[in-house]
Protein backbone atom coordinates (compact mmCIF):
# COMPACT_ATOMS: atom_id res chain seq x y z
CA MET A 1 -23.07 86.85 -16.08
CA SER A 2 -25.91 86.41 -13.60
CA PHE A 3 -23.94 83.52 -12.07
CA PHE A 4 -20.94 85.69 -11.22
CA LYS A 5 -23.18 88.56 -10.05
CA SER A 6 -24.97 86.14 -7.76
CA ILE A 7 -21.62 85.01 -6.28
CA GLN A 8 -20.46 88.61 -5.93
CA SER A 9 -23.71 89.65 -4.24
CA LYS A 10 -23.56 86.79 -1.78
CA TYR A 11 -19.92 87.52 -0.94
CA ARG A 12 -20.55 91.26 -0.42
CA SER A 13 -23.56 90.58 1.77
CA TRP A 14 -21.58 88.06 3.87
CA ASN A 15 -18.57 90.37 4.07
CA ARG A 16 -20.68 93.36 5.20
CA LYS A 17 -22.21 91.31 7.94
CA ARG A 18 -18.81 89.90 8.95
CA ARG A 19 -17.32 93.37 9.07
CA GLY A 20 -20.18 94.65 11.10
CA LEU A 21 -19.77 91.92 13.68
CA ILE A 22 -16.02 92.43 13.92
CA GLU A 23 -16.28 96.19 14.07
CA ASP A 24 -18.81 95.95 16.90
CA ASP A 25 -15.95 94.80 19.06
CA TYR A 26 -14.02 97.98 18.36
CA VAL A 27 -16.78 100.64 18.35
CA ASP A 28 -16.72 103.17 21.16
CA HIS A 29 -20.43 102.97 22.21
CA ALA A 30 -20.10 105.74 24.78
CA GLY A 31 -19.42 108.50 22.25
CA GLY A 32 -15.65 108.63 22.79
CA GLN A 33 -15.80 107.44 26.42
CA SER A 34 -14.65 103.99 27.47
CA GLY A 35 -17.35 101.31 27.82
CA SER A 36 -18.09 99.19 30.79
CA LEU A 37 -15.39 97.09 32.45
CA LEU A 38 -17.08 93.87 31.34
CA ARG A 39 -17.30 94.99 27.70
CA SER A 40 -13.64 96.07 27.67
CA PHE A 41 -12.61 92.78 29.20
CA MET A 42 -14.55 90.69 26.68
CA GLY A 43 -13.40 92.80 23.75
CA VAL A 44 -9.69 92.70 24.58
CA VAL A 45 -9.75 88.98 25.46
CA ALA A 46 -11.43 88.19 22.16
CA LEU A 47 -8.78 89.91 20.03
CA PRO A 48 -5.99 87.28 20.10
CA LEU A 49 -8.54 84.49 19.78
CA LYS A 50 -9.93 86.11 16.63
CA MET A 51 -6.44 86.32 15.23
CA LEU A 52 -6.21 82.54 15.57
CA PHE A 53 -9.66 81.63 14.22
CA VAL A 54 -10.24 84.21 11.45
CA PRO A 55 -8.02 82.40 8.88
CA LEU A 56 -9.72 79.09 9.55
CA ARG A 57 -13.15 80.62 9.38
CA LEU A 58 -12.40 82.36 6.09
CA ILE A 59 -11.75 79.08 4.24
CA GLY A 60 -14.77 77.40 5.70
CA LEU A 61 -13.06 75.06 8.16
CA ILE A 62 -15.02 76.49 11.09
CA GLN A 63 -18.75 77.08 10.80
CA THR A 64 -19.94 80.48 12.03
CA GLN A 65 -23.27 82.05 12.74
CA ASP A 66 -22.25 85.39 11.19
CA ALA A 67 -24.54 84.91 8.18
CA THR A 68 -28.09 85.59 9.36
CA THR A 69 -29.85 86.90 6.28
CA SER A 70 -31.94 84.58 4.16
CA ASN A 71 -29.76 85.20 1.10
CA GLU A 72 -26.62 84.11 2.93
CA THR A 73 -28.19 80.89 4.21
CA GLU A 74 -29.14 79.73 0.74
CA GLU A 75 -27.39 76.60 -0.51
CA LEU A 76 -24.66 77.28 -3.10
CA GLY A 77 -23.81 74.93 -5.93
CA PHE A 78 -20.51 73.06 -5.97
CA SER A 79 -18.79 75.32 -8.51
CA GLN A 80 -20.12 78.45 -6.77
CA ARG A 81 -18.85 77.24 -3.44
CA VAL A 82 -15.39 76.46 -4.94
CA LEU A 83 -15.11 79.98 -6.42
CA PHE A 84 -16.37 81.49 -3.16
CA VAL A 85 -13.75 79.63 -1.09
CA LEU A 86 -11.03 80.41 -3.66
CA LYS A 87 -11.78 84.13 -3.40
CA GLN A 88 -11.62 83.97 0.37
CA VAL A 89 -8.31 82.14 0.24
CA LEU A 90 -6.82 84.71 -2.15
CA SER A 91 -7.93 87.54 0.16
CA LEU A 92 -6.50 85.80 3.23
CA PRO A 93 -3.00 87.46 3.15
CA PHE A 94 -4.58 90.93 3.06
CA LEU A 95 -6.91 90.10 5.94
CA LEU A 96 -4.04 88.65 7.99
CA LEU A 97 -2.07 91.84 7.40
CA ARG A 98 -4.99 94.04 8.41
CA GLU A 99 -5.97 92.26 11.61
CA PRO A 100 -2.75 92.96 13.59
CA ILE A 101 -3.02 96.66 12.70
CA ARG A 102 -6.60 96.83 13.92
CA ILE A 103 -5.71 94.96 17.09
CA PHE A 104 -2.79 97.34 17.72
CA LYS A 105 -5.13 100.35 17.34
CA SER A 106 -7.62 98.77 19.72
CA LEU A 107 -4.93 98.12 22.33
CA ARG A 108 -3.80 101.76 22.13
CA ARG A 109 -7.34 102.91 22.96
CA ALA A 110 -7.76 100.43 25.82
CA ARG A 111 -7.11 101.40 29.41
CA PRO A 112 -4.08 99.89 31.22
CA ARG A 113 -6.28 97.89 33.58
CA ASP A 114 -8.20 96.46 30.62
CA LEU A 115 -4.92 95.31 29.05
CA LEU A 116 -4.14 93.27 32.14
CA PHE A 117 -7.18 91.12 31.44
CA ALA A 118 -5.83 90.36 27.95
CA LEU A 119 -2.52 88.97 29.17
CA PRO A 120 -3.83 85.43 29.92
CA ALA A 121 -5.31 85.16 26.44
CA ILE A 122 -2.11 86.42 24.84
CA ALA A 123 -0.08 83.94 26.92
CA ILE A 124 -2.34 81.04 25.88
CA LEU A 125 -2.12 82.01 22.22
CA GLY A 126 1.69 82.30 22.49
CA PHE A 127 1.89 78.87 24.10
CA PHE A 128 -0.10 77.22 21.32
CA GLY A 129 2.04 79.01 18.72
CA PHE A 130 5.20 77.76 20.39
CA VAL A 131 3.91 74.18 20.48
CA PHE A 132 2.92 74.42 16.81
CA VAL A 133 6.43 75.53 15.79
CA GLN A 134 8.11 72.88 17.94
CA ILE A 135 6.07 70.09 16.39
CA PHE A 136 7.42 70.92 12.92
CA ALA A 137 10.94 71.80 14.02
CA TYR A 138 11.45 68.88 16.41
CA GLY A 139 12.67 66.31 13.90
CA GLU A 140 15.24 68.61 12.33
CA ALA A 141 16.41 69.84 15.74
CA ILE A 142 17.02 66.28 16.93
CA ASP A 143 19.14 65.50 13.87
CA ASN A 144 21.08 68.74 14.36
CA ARG A 145 21.75 67.85 17.99
CA TYR A 146 22.97 64.39 17.01
CA ALA A 147 25.19 65.88 14.30
CA ARG A 148 26.62 68.41 16.76
CA GLY A 149 27.20 65.67 19.32
CA ALA A 150 29.04 63.60 16.71
CA GLN A 151 31.18 66.61 15.78
CA ILE A 152 32.17 67.26 19.40
CA ALA A 153 32.92 63.57 19.97
CA THR A 154 35.11 63.53 16.86
CA GLU A 155 37.04 66.59 18.03
CA GLN A 156 37.62 64.83 21.35
CA LYS A 157 38.82 61.66 19.52
CA ASP A 158 35.93 59.66 20.96
CA PHE A 159 35.08 57.96 17.66
CA GLU A 160 32.90 55.25 19.16
CA LEU A 161 30.55 57.89 20.65
CA ALA A 162 30.56 59.72 17.32
CA LYS A 163 29.54 56.47 15.59
CA THR A 164 26.63 56.10 18.02
CA TYR A 165 25.34 59.58 17.16
CA TYR A 166 25.63 59.02 13.42
CA GLN A 167 23.91 55.64 13.59
CA ARG A 168 20.88 57.49 14.95
CA ILE A 169 21.01 60.04 12.17
CA LEU A 170 21.27 57.28 9.54
CA GLY A 171 17.76 56.17 10.45
CA ASP A 172 16.53 59.34 8.74
CA ASN A 173 16.28 59.06 4.97
CA ASN A 174 17.09 62.77 4.65
CA ILE A 175 20.73 62.39 5.72
CA THR A 176 22.78 65.06 3.95
CA PRO A 177 25.97 64.52 1.90
CA ARG A 178 27.85 66.47 4.58
CA GLN A 179 26.70 64.00 7.22
CA GLN A 180 27.58 61.04 4.99
CA TYR A 181 31.07 62.51 4.50
CA ASP A 182 31.57 63.00 8.25
CA TRP A 183 30.30 59.47 8.86
CA ALA A 184 32.86 58.13 6.36
CA MET A 185 35.67 59.99 8.16
CA ILE A 186 34.63 58.43 11.47
CA LEU A 187 34.51 54.96 9.91
CA ALA A 188 38.01 55.49 8.54
CA GLN A 189 39.27 56.51 11.98
CA THR A 190 37.88 53.31 13.51
CA GLY A 191 39.45 51.01 10.91
CA GLU A 192 36.35 50.39 8.78
CA ASP A 193 38.06 51.53 5.59
CA GLU A 194 35.90 49.57 3.13
CA GLN A 195 32.66 51.08 4.43
CA ALA A 196 34.24 54.53 4.49
CA TYR A 197 35.42 54.16 0.89
CA ALA A 198 31.96 52.96 -0.22
CA LEU A 199 30.37 56.07 1.31
CA ILE A 200 32.91 58.38 -0.33
CA GLU A 201 32.31 56.71 -3.72
CA LYS A 202 28.58 57.24 -3.27
CA ILE A 203 28.83 60.99 -2.69
CA ALA A 204 31.78 61.48 -5.09
CA PRO A 205 30.93 59.38 -8.17
CA ASN A 206 33.39 59.00 -11.04
CA ASP A 207 30.88 60.13 -13.66
CA ALA A 208 28.93 62.94 -12.00
CA MET A 209 29.24 66.00 -9.79
CA GLY A 210 28.85 65.04 -6.14
CA PHE A 211 29.89 66.42 -2.77
CA GLY A 212 32.92 68.68 -3.22
CA PRO A 213 35.01 67.71 -0.16
CA ALA A 214 34.58 64.02 -1.02
CA HIS A 215 35.83 64.66 -4.57
CA LYS A 216 38.79 66.50 -3.04
CA LEU A 217 39.63 63.48 -0.89
CA VAL A 218 39.47 61.13 -3.88
CA ALA A 219 41.63 63.48 -5.98
CA ILE A 220 44.35 63.59 -3.32
CA SER A 221 44.28 59.79 -3.09
CA ILE A 222 44.59 59.38 -6.87
CA ALA A 223 47.46 61.88 -7.00
CA ARG A 224 49.51 59.56 -4.81
CA GLN A 225 48.91 56.71 -7.27
CA ILE A 226 50.04 58.79 -10.25
CA GLU A 227 53.59 58.76 -8.96
CA ILE A 228 53.54 54.97 -9.40
CA ALA A 229 51.56 54.55 -12.63
CA LYS A 230 50.76 57.36 -15.08
CA ASP A 231 48.01 55.72 -17.13
CA LYS A 232 45.47 57.78 -19.08
CA ALA A 233 42.41 56.36 -17.33
CA LEU A 234 43.79 57.31 -13.93
CA LEU A 235 44.69 60.81 -15.11
CA SER A 236 41.21 61.28 -16.59
CA LYS A 237 39.65 60.14 -13.33
CA LEU A 238 41.87 62.53 -11.39
CA ARG A 239 40.85 65.48 -13.55
CA HIS A 240 37.14 64.70 -13.05
CA HIS A 241 37.47 64.68 -9.26
CA LEU A 242 39.59 67.84 -9.28
CA VAL A 243 36.91 69.70 -11.26
CA ALA A 244 34.10 68.23 -9.15
CA SER A 245 35.80 69.23 -5.89
CA ARG A 246 35.18 72.90 -6.70
CA ASP A 247 38.04 73.66 -4.35
CA LEU A 248 40.79 76.29 -4.55
CA SER A 249 42.76 75.32 -1.45
CA PRO A 250 46.57 74.97 -1.56
CA GLU A 251 46.21 71.17 -1.24
CA ILE A 252 44.10 70.98 -4.38
CA GLU A 253 46.37 73.39 -6.25
CA GLN A 254 49.22 71.01 -5.40
CA VAL A 255 47.22 68.09 -6.81
CA TRP A 256 46.47 70.11 -9.95
CA ALA A 257 50.23 70.67 -10.25
CA ALA A 258 50.83 66.91 -9.98
CA TYR A 259 48.27 66.36 -12.74
CA TYR A 260 49.90 68.95 -14.98
CA ILE A 261 53.37 67.51 -14.35
CA ALA A 262 52.11 64.03 -15.23
CA THR A 263 50.59 65.39 -18.45
CA GLU A 264 53.78 67.35 -19.24
CA GLN A 265 52.22 70.80 -18.78
CA ARG A 266 54.99 72.33 -16.69
CA ASP A 267 53.86 75.96 -17.10
CA LYS A 268 50.37 75.17 -15.80
CA ALA A 269 51.91 73.21 -12.92
CA ILE A 270 54.00 76.23 -11.97
CA ALA A 271 50.91 78.48 -12.20
CA SER A 272 48.97 76.18 -9.83
CA LEU A 273 51.85 76.05 -7.36
CA ASP A 274 52.25 79.81 -7.56
CA ARG A 275 48.61 80.27 -6.48
CA ALA A 276 49.14 77.80 -3.64
CA ALA A 277 52.32 79.60 -2.61
CA GLN A 278 50.32 82.77 -1.91
CA LYS A 279 49.09 81.02 1.24
CA ARG A 280 51.91 78.52 1.74
CA PRO A 281 55.29 79.96 0.74
CA SER A 282 56.97 76.53 0.99
CA PHE A 283 55.49 75.74 -2.45
CA TYR A 284 57.98 78.20 -3.91
CA ILE A 285 60.63 75.54 -3.22
CA THR A 286 58.83 73.12 -5.54
CA ILE A 287 58.52 75.86 -8.15
CA SER A 288 62.25 76.49 -7.83
CA ASN A 289 62.98 72.80 -8.37
CA LEU A 290 60.79 72.70 -11.50
CA TYR A 291 62.66 75.67 -12.95
CA LYS A 292 65.97 74.08 -11.99
CA GLN A 293 65.08 70.81 -13.75
CA SER A 294 64.48 72.70 -16.98
CA GLY A 295 67.75 74.63 -16.67
CA GLN A 296 66.14 78.00 -15.77
CA LYS A 297 68.54 78.93 -12.98
CA THR A 298 67.52 82.59 -12.74
CA GLU A 299 63.81 81.74 -12.38
CA SER A 300 64.74 79.05 -9.84
CA VAL A 301 66.58 81.56 -7.65
CA ASN A 302 63.79 84.13 -8.04
CA ALA A 303 61.25 81.60 -6.73
CA LEU A 304 63.40 81.03 -3.64
CA LYS A 305 63.69 84.78 -3.11
CA LYS A 306 59.89 85.06 -3.19
CA ALA A 307 59.72 82.37 -0.54
CA GLU A 308 62.30 84.22 1.58
CA THR A 309 60.31 87.47 1.35
CA ALA A 310 57.06 85.72 2.31
CA PHE A 311 58.60 83.87 5.26
CA ARG A 312 60.21 87.01 6.66
CA LYS A 313 56.72 88.49 6.93
CA THR A 314 54.95 85.49 8.42
CA PHE A 315 57.15 83.16 10.44
CA LYS A 316 57.51 85.47 13.48
CA LYS A 317 53.77 85.44 14.13
CA ASP A 318 54.23 82.33 16.26
CA GLU A 319 57.81 81.60 17.24
CA LEU A 320 56.79 78.37 18.99
CA GLU A 321 55.39 76.94 15.72
CA HIS A 322 58.35 75.18 14.12
CA GLN A 323 56.94 74.31 10.69
CA ASN A 324 57.37 77.80 9.22
CA ARG A 325 60.73 78.21 10.94
CA ILE A 326 62.04 74.98 9.42
CA ALA A 327 60.69 75.83 5.97
CA PHE A 328 62.26 79.31 6.19
CA ALA A 329 65.61 77.83 7.21
CA ASN A 330 65.39 75.41 4.28
CA VAL A 331 64.88 78.32 1.87
CA LEU A 332 67.83 80.21 3.37
CA ALA A 333 70.02 77.12 3.03
CA LEU A 334 69.03 76.74 -0.63
CA LEU A 335 70.01 80.37 -1.13
CA GLU A 336 73.34 79.46 0.57
CA LYS A 337 72.66 81.77 3.52
CA PHE A 338 73.93 79.04 5.83
CA ASP A 339 74.80 81.16 8.87
CA GLU A 340 71.33 82.72 9.02
CA ALA A 341 69.65 79.35 8.53
CA GLU A 342 71.75 77.77 11.27
CA GLY A 343 71.00 80.65 13.66
CA LEU A 344 67.28 80.36 12.95
CA LEU A 345 67.23 76.64 13.79
CA GLN A 346 69.44 77.07 16.86
CA GLN A 347 67.05 79.75 18.13
CA GLY A 348 64.18 77.28 17.66
CA VAL A 349 66.02 74.68 19.76
CA ARG A 350 66.48 77.24 22.55
CA VAL A 351 62.89 78.51 22.42
CA LYS A 352 61.16 75.13 22.22
CA PRO A 353 63.55 72.14 22.21
CA ASP A 354 61.25 69.41 20.89
CA GLU A 355 62.21 66.46 18.68
CA LEU A 356 61.06 68.13 15.47
CA ILE A 357 63.39 71.14 15.68
CA LYS A 358 66.31 69.02 16.93
CA ARG A 359 65.96 66.64 14.01
CA SER A 360 65.76 69.60 11.61
CA LEU A 361 68.97 71.14 12.95
CA SER A 362 70.69 67.74 12.79
CA ASP A 363 69.46 67.38 9.22
CA PHE A 364 70.90 70.81 8.43
CA TYR A 365 74.36 69.69 9.58
CA ALA A 366 74.00 66.45 7.58
CA MET A 367 73.22 68.58 4.52
CA ARG A 368 76.32 70.67 5.19
CA TYR A 369 78.35 67.43 5.32
CA ASP A 370 76.92 66.30 1.96
CA LEU A 371 77.82 69.67 0.43
CA ALA A 372 81.32 69.59 1.94
CA ARG A 373 81.81 66.09 0.54
CA ARG A 374 80.68 67.14 -2.95
CA THR A 375 82.99 70.15 -2.90
CA GLN A 376 85.78 67.95 -1.52
CA LEU A 377 86.44 69.91 1.65
CA ASP A 378 88.91 68.39 4.08
CA PRO A 379 87.78 65.34 6.13
CA GLN A 380 88.03 67.27 9.41
CA THR A 381 85.45 69.81 8.24
CA GLN A 382 83.19 66.98 7.11
CA MET A 383 83.56 65.25 10.46
CA ASP A 384 82.81 68.48 12.35
CA PHE A 385 79.42 68.77 10.64
CA LEU A 386 78.55 65.15 11.48
CA THR A 387 79.74 65.55 15.07
CA ARG A 388 77.41 68.54 15.55
CA ALA A 389 74.57 66.57 14.01
CA ILE A 390 75.07 63.67 16.43
CA GLU A 391 75.34 66.01 19.43
CA ILE A 392 71.99 67.61 18.56
CA ASP A 393 70.15 64.35 17.80
CA PRO A 394 71.96 61.20 19.02
CA ASN A 395 69.19 59.00 17.60
CA TYR A 396 69.38 60.09 13.97
CA SER A 397 70.40 57.00 12.00
CA ALA A 398 71.14 58.91 8.76
CA VAL A 399 73.99 60.76 10.50
CA TYR A 400 75.58 57.53 11.77
CA SER A 401 75.40 56.09 8.24
CA ARG A 402 77.28 59.12 6.94
CA MET A 403 79.88 58.80 9.71
CA ILE A 404 80.49 55.13 8.80
CA GLN A 405 80.79 56.23 5.16
CA LEU A 406 83.37 58.85 6.16
CA PHE A 407 85.30 56.27 8.21
CA THR A 408 85.46 53.96 5.19
CA GLU A 409 86.91 56.77 3.08
CA VAL A 410 89.53 57.95 5.64
CA ARG A 411 90.43 54.59 7.19
CA GLU A 412 93.88 54.86 5.60
CA SER A 413 94.40 58.07 7.61
CA PRO A 414 95.07 56.83 11.19
CA GLU A 415 94.43 60.25 12.73
CA GLN A 416 90.97 60.75 11.20
CA ALA A 417 89.96 57.13 11.71
CA LYS A 418 90.94 57.37 15.37
CA LYS A 419 88.86 60.54 15.86
CA ILE A 420 85.73 58.87 14.49
CA ARG A 421 86.27 55.77 16.59
CA SER A 422 86.87 57.90 19.70
CA LEU A 423 83.67 59.86 19.03
CA PHE A 424 81.57 56.67 19.07
CA GLN A 425 83.42 55.36 22.13
CA GLU A 426 82.67 58.58 24.03
CA ILE A 427 78.96 58.25 23.24
CA VAL A 428 78.68 54.58 24.30
CA THR A 429 80.54 55.27 27.56
CA GLY A 430 78.75 58.56 28.31
CA ASP A 431 75.56 59.43 30.16
CA ARG A 432 73.38 58.85 27.10
CA PRO A 433 74.58 55.70 25.33
CA THR A 434 72.44 54.90 22.30
CA ALA A 435 71.81 51.74 20.33
CA LEU A 436 72.84 53.58 17.17
CA ALA A 437 76.24 54.52 18.64
CA HIS A 438 76.90 50.87 19.53
CA PHE A 439 75.71 49.87 16.06
CA ALA A 440 77.98 52.38 14.32
CA LEU A 441 80.96 51.38 16.46
CA SER A 442 80.26 47.74 15.62
CA ASN A 443 80.34 48.59 11.91
CA ILE A 444 83.71 50.35 11.97
CA LEU A 445 85.18 47.56 14.14
CA TRP A 446 83.97 45.02 11.56
CA ILE A 447 85.64 47.09 8.82
CA VAL A 448 89.01 46.95 10.63
CA ASP A 449 88.50 43.22 11.22
CA GLU A 450 87.97 43.33 14.99
CA ARG A 451 85.13 40.81 14.82
CA ASP A 452 84.74 39.95 18.51
CA GLN A 453 84.40 43.58 19.58
CA ALA A 454 82.08 44.22 16.63
CA LYS A 455 79.80 41.41 17.80
CA PHE A 456 79.86 42.70 21.39
CA HIS A 457 78.72 46.21 20.42
CA LEU A 458 76.08 44.85 18.08
CA GLU A 459 74.69 42.72 20.92
CA GLN A 460 74.63 45.84 23.11
CA ALA A 461 72.79 47.74 20.41
CA TYR A 462 70.21 44.95 20.18
CA LEU A 463 69.71 44.93 23.96
CA LEU A 464 69.21 48.71 24.03
CA ASN A 465 66.76 48.74 21.12
CA ASN A 466 65.52 45.65 19.30
CA ASP A 467 63.20 47.69 17.08
CA PHE A 468 65.95 48.78 14.68
CA VAL A 469 65.65 46.24 11.88
CA ILE A 470 69.11 47.00 10.54
CA ILE A 471 70.60 46.01 13.91
CA ILE A 472 68.64 42.72 13.84
CA ASN A 473 69.83 41.97 10.30
CA ASN A 474 73.49 42.76 11.00
CA LEU A 475 73.49 40.68 14.17
CA ALA A 476 72.08 37.75 12.22
CA TRP A 477 74.85 38.19 9.63
CA ILE A 478 77.63 38.28 12.23
CA LEU A 479 76.26 35.24 14.08
CA ALA A 480 76.28 33.32 10.78
CA GLN A 481 79.86 34.34 9.89
CA GLU A 482 81.60 33.28 13.12
CA GLU A 483 83.95 30.30 13.27
CA SER A 484 81.38 28.57 15.46
CA PRO A 485 78.18 30.13 14.07
CA ASP A 486 74.95 30.25 16.04
CA LEU A 487 72.83 29.45 13.01
CA GLU A 488 69.54 28.84 14.83
CA ARG A 489 69.60 32.27 16.46
CA ALA A 490 70.86 33.82 13.22
CA LEU A 491 67.92 32.26 11.36
CA GLU A 492 65.45 33.58 13.92
CA LEU A 493 66.85 37.11 13.68
CA ALA A 494 67.06 37.04 9.86
CA GLU A 495 63.44 35.87 9.57
CA THR A 496 62.38 38.65 11.95
CA ALA A 497 64.14 41.27 9.81
CA VAL A 498 62.55 39.96 6.59
CA SER A 499 59.08 39.80 8.17
CA ARG A 500 59.35 43.47 9.16
CA VAL A 501 60.80 44.73 5.88
CA PRO A 502 60.06 42.05 3.25
CA GLU A 503 61.01 44.29 0.33
CA SER A 504 64.64 44.75 1.48
CA PRO A 505 67.09 42.87 -0.83
CA ARG A 506 69.80 43.16 1.81
CA PHE A 507 67.68 41.37 4.41
CA ARG A 508 66.74 38.68 1.87
CA ASP A 509 70.45 38.14 1.19
CA THR A 510 71.14 37.67 4.90
CA LEU A 511 68.31 35.16 5.28
CA GLY A 512 69.43 33.30 2.13
CA THR A 513 73.01 33.14 3.44
CA VAL A 514 71.87 31.67 6.77
CA LEU A 515 69.75 29.08 4.93
CA VAL A 516 72.74 28.11 2.78
CA LYS A 517 74.82 27.50 5.91
CA LEU A 518 71.99 25.39 7.33
CA GLY A 519 71.97 23.26 4.16
CA ARG A 520 68.41 24.32 3.22
CA HIS A 521 69.39 25.08 -0.37
CA LYS A 522 65.96 25.11 -2.03
CA GLU A 523 64.65 27.65 0.46
CA ALA A 524 67.84 29.68 0.11
CA ILE A 525 67.42 29.92 -3.69
CA SER A 526 64.07 31.76 -3.43
CA GLU A 527 65.50 34.28 -0.93
CA LEU A 528 68.70 34.89 -2.91
CA GLN A 529 66.78 35.39 -6.16
CA LEU A 530 64.77 38.15 -4.44
CA ALA A 531 68.04 39.69 -3.22
CA LEU A 532 69.47 39.93 -6.76
CA SER A 533 67.08 42.75 -7.72
CA GLY A 534 68.47 45.29 -5.30
CA VAL A 535 71.87 44.51 -3.77
CA PRO A 536 74.64 46.85 -5.01
CA ASP A 537 77.06 43.96 -5.68
CA THR A 538 75.40 40.92 -7.23
CA ALA A 539 78.54 38.77 -7.59
CA PRO A 540 78.38 37.18 -4.09
CA VAL A 541 74.68 36.41 -4.56
CA HIS A 542 75.32 34.70 -7.92
CA GLN A 543 78.09 32.66 -6.28
CA LYS A 544 75.75 31.46 -3.52
CA LEU A 545 73.03 30.66 -6.04
CA ALA A 546 75.53 28.64 -8.12
CA PHE A 547 76.46 26.64 -5.01
CA CYS A 548 72.80 25.98 -4.16
CA TYR A 549 71.89 24.81 -7.68
CA LYS A 550 74.95 22.55 -7.83
CA SER A 551 74.06 21.00 -4.46
CA ILE A 552 70.61 19.97 -5.75
CA GLY A 553 71.98 18.61 -9.06
CA MET A 554 71.08 21.48 -11.40
CA ASN A 555 74.57 21.98 -12.84
CA ASP A 556 73.46 23.90 -15.93
CA LEU A 557 71.85 26.62 -13.82
CA ALA A 558 74.87 26.62 -11.52
CA LYS A 559 77.16 27.28 -14.48
CA MET A 560 74.93 30.12 -15.70
CA HIS A 561 75.19 31.88 -12.34
CA LEU A 562 78.95 31.35 -12.26
CA GLY A 563 79.14 32.90 -15.71
CA LYS A 564 77.54 36.07 -14.35
CA LEU A 565 80.21 36.56 -11.71
CA LYS A 566 82.34 39.64 -12.13
CA LYS A 567 84.59 38.88 -9.23
CA PRO A 568 84.01 37.07 -5.96
CA THR A 569 83.71 39.46 -3.05
CA ASP A 570 82.83 39.23 0.60
CA LYS A 571 79.84 41.00 2.03
């Protein structure tokens, strides 16, 4: 007990003395009148300095001469000194709170001219405070500036500069998941996909909760793979990343729907798409298709009507933005409101005639042709739709394919066949001849057995645009079928077509045919075998394979291919 009383006595004695010394600076010695100019100056100047040094003095870091009594100069034991310092530390917040109040009261009593003398001291104290804050905030501020610089560089598509900024941030071990994610996106933009994927895997692990946006990215990537292979492990992995993404955006709702469809939970898929459709009405079209697949026609139509209602409210907000306009027109077409859909797209072409809206209007007319063909409308009506489609977008290959299809069906009708031929001739002799028009004209001339003219127009198509692989392939075929074939050029063109689209059975068939004519039978066999998997009529391919096997002495295999012939046909 005497130990604690001794500590308490020493503290009270020291505190009384300290208070007396501090209060001396504030006492009005003139009985309510202001003191001398020198005393006011020294007192006011000392105030901010005391604010800085009082906390340090309280915990014993600065030695003072405040203690002058013999009791206060006595040596304290270690444990006594620890308790004494601990008590001072605990009282520090209250002292720090009191000092500003006392200083404020003192400044109120001071004369204006005395306050002027305090300004230098206040400025010095403010400067040291500023430096103190900057020392601790500097490192974080630098990283923030680098991160901001990387963000601006990314927005400006200057990915190399963005990489430079992030390489500086990476030197700091405290790099955040957000910064790692942004760094991965920049790496992906600059072709460093493996490094980007490694970073994403790090912050979005397969067995733990990581950075939400990274999980979202992985989930979207996996959803694309599900369409190819629906294995349980992949679906389980997808679900983990969907949950870990903690995201409710329309994109993630769409991925959830893909997961539910793959796991045969159609009602949950529709619920996810319905939530997404609140922000993106185009998802109602997918909902309609799901209902339609299960035979729920009424629900399918109701989903389209919801989309129509939503688009009527939103699409006019920006009439120059074609995406909503096209989606709205698609909904109207599905509801068989064809005139309104056509008018909407035509208005878009007039307001902002870019390639997107032109292709959409051309696609609309192609859809009308498909519908007219299914309902067996007259050939003239079908041709009118395709003619409008070509006029809107002369470079839309799908329309030319339909026109060739229509020509094949009406070739026995001289009047209709002549109209289609004349249409293509007008395009190739007009102000805007296109490679596709020459290509289509070449096809119908080949059908009517005008081979020389067919070759001429195909050559013209190739000269106008040698990027269309179908043109390259067909030219190779024609060159190989002539009475005096140019097999070397045909081989070069056929190899070019296969190198650009190696998965095309039709192009493999062309290359195999050219190799057969060159007598390179072993090479031809490998190409023709690849062609068998996808050509609509396999009989000609089996016939060529039989010839190749017979030419290299494998008669048994030749007979097997001949046995698979249904009937020999020309290409």
